[in-house]
Protein backbone atom coordinates (compact mmCIF):
# COMPACT_ATOMS: atom_id res chain seq x y z
CA MET A 1 114.65 124.24 108.24
CA SER A 2 117.51 126.65 108.74
CA SER A 3 120.78 124.77 108.56
CA ASP A 4 122.35 126.86 111.34
CA LEU A 5 119.81 125.89 114.02
CA VAL A 6 119.94 122.65 115.96
CA PRO A 7 116.46 121.11 115.80
CA ALA A 8 114.63 120.11 118.96
CA THR A 9 114.31 116.34 119.41
CA ARG A 10 112.38 114.07 121.75
CA ASN A 11 111.32 110.49 122.50
CA TRP A 12 114.57 108.75 121.50
CA SER A 13 114.98 105.04 122.02
CA ALA A 14 117.40 102.32 121.02
CA SER A 15 116.94 98.60 121.36
CA GLU A 16 118.83 95.49 120.40
CA ILE A 17 116.67 92.95 118.64
CA ALA A 18 117.56 89.35 117.81
CA GLY A 19 115.89 87.49 114.97
CA SER A 20 114.22 84.13 115.34
CA SER A 21 117.26 82.16 114.17
CA GLU A 22 120.83 81.75 115.45
CA ASP A 23 122.07 83.65 112.39
CA LEU A 24 124.04 86.74 113.53
CA ASN A 25 122.75 88.58 110.44
CA ALA A 26 119.30 88.50 112.04
CA TYR A 27 120.53 90.70 114.92
CA PHE A 28 120.05 94.46 114.66
CA LEU A 29 119.70 97.76 116.48
CA LYS A 30 116.50 99.76 116.18
CA ILE A 31 116.90 103.49 116.81
CA SER A 32 114.05 106.01 116.67
CA GLY A 33 113.14 109.50 117.76
CA GLU A 34 111.28 112.64 116.77
CA VAL A 35 112.60 115.87 115.27
CA GLU A 36 110.82 119.23 115.31
CA LEU A 37 110.68 120.69 111.78
CA GLY A 38 109.58 124.08 110.49
CA ASN A 39 107.98 123.16 107.16
CA VAL A 40 105.39 120.55 106.19
CA ASN A 41 107.51 119.39 103.23
CA GLU A 42 110.47 118.39 105.46
CA ARG A 43 111.22 114.80 106.52
CA PRO A 44 113.96 113.66 108.94
CA HIS A 45 116.16 110.62 108.28
CA LEU A 46 118.91 108.89 110.24
CA THR A 47 122.10 107.96 108.37
CA MET A 48 125.45 106.54 109.37
CA SER A 49 127.92 109.32 110.26
CA GLU A 50 130.83 109.94 107.93
CA PRO A 51 133.43 109.70 109.28
CA THR A 52 132.43 107.10 111.82
CA SER A 53 133.10 107.45 115.55
CA ASN A 54 136.68 107.09 116.80
CA ASN A 55 135.29 104.78 119.48
CA LEU A 56 134.24 101.52 117.81
CA ALA A 57 131.83 100.79 120.70
CA VAL A 58 129.81 103.92 119.82
CA LEU A 59 127.55 104.04 116.77
CA SER A 60 127.35 107.59 115.40
CA LEU A 61 124.31 108.62 113.36
CA ASP A 62 123.41 111.87 111.61
CA ILE A 63 119.99 113.49 111.32
CA VAL A 64 119.46 114.54 107.71
CA ILE A 65 116.46 116.60 106.58
CA SER A 66 115.01 116.20 103.09
CA ALA A 67 112.32 118.37 101.51
CA ASP A 68 109.77 117.27 98.92
CA GLY A 69 106.65 119.01 97.69
CA SER A 70 105.19 122.42 98.34
CA SER A 71 106.73 124.57 101.03
CA VAL A 72 104.33 125.58 103.81
CA PRO A 73 105.93 126.97 106.98
CA GLN A 74 104.49 125.09 109.94
CA LYS A 75 106.21 123.59 112.98
CA HIS A 76 105.56 119.89 113.49
CA TRP A 77 107.15 116.79 114.97
CA ALA A 78 108.22 114.00 112.62
CA GLN A 79 109.43 110.48 113.40
CA CYS A 80 112.73 109.15 112.09
CA GLY A 81 114.43 105.83 112.61
CA LEU A 82 117.05 103.37 111.48
CA ARG A 83 117.52 99.63 111.66
CA HIS A 84 121.19 98.66 111.66
CA ARG A 85 122.40 95.08 111.28
CA THR A 86 125.05 94.20 113.82
CA PHE A 87 126.05 91.45 116.26
CA PRO A 88 125.42 91.14 120.02
CA GLY A 89 127.55 93.49 122.12
CA ALA A 90 128.98 95.42 119.15
CA TYR A 91 127.99 98.82 120.60
CA ASN A 92 127.48 100.18 124.10
CA ALA A 93 126.16 103.61 123.04
CA ILE A 94 124.62 105.53 120.15
CA ARG A 95 125.29 109.20 119.36
CA VAL A 96 122.78 111.10 117.25
CA MET A 97 124.30 114.17 115.61
CA TRP A 98 123.10 117.29 113.79
CA GLN A 99 125.84 118.82 111.62
CA GLY A 100 128.55 117.64 114.01
CA ILE A 101 126.68 118.58 117.20
CA GLU A 102 125.49 115.77 119.46
CA VAL A 103 121.74 116.07 120.09
CA VAL A 104 121.27 112.82 122.02
CA SER A 105 123.35 110.01 123.49
CA LEU A 106 121.72 106.65 124.09
CA LYS A 107 123.20 103.88 126.24
CA LEU A 108 122.59 100.26 125.32
């Protein structure tokens, strides 16, 4: 994937999920979506943005592409996701970024 192009994305979702106990550590956000890639050896991942968002109510994530194996140019869609431990009401939105450019904003 060329690092200067913003990849197409689709089917993003974010949900707050509570565990079966009253333990706040069992509460998390589940974020997922698809990224269009240009090579079969590429895989998308979501990571926490560094630096984090200036707004503490917004969780900022970065799409990172890794490559492994033989290079074969071919466009395809690949799923990526992240589970993030948190507590109820910690965030009201999620920003997904590609090299500092927002590709999707999700409201919770």
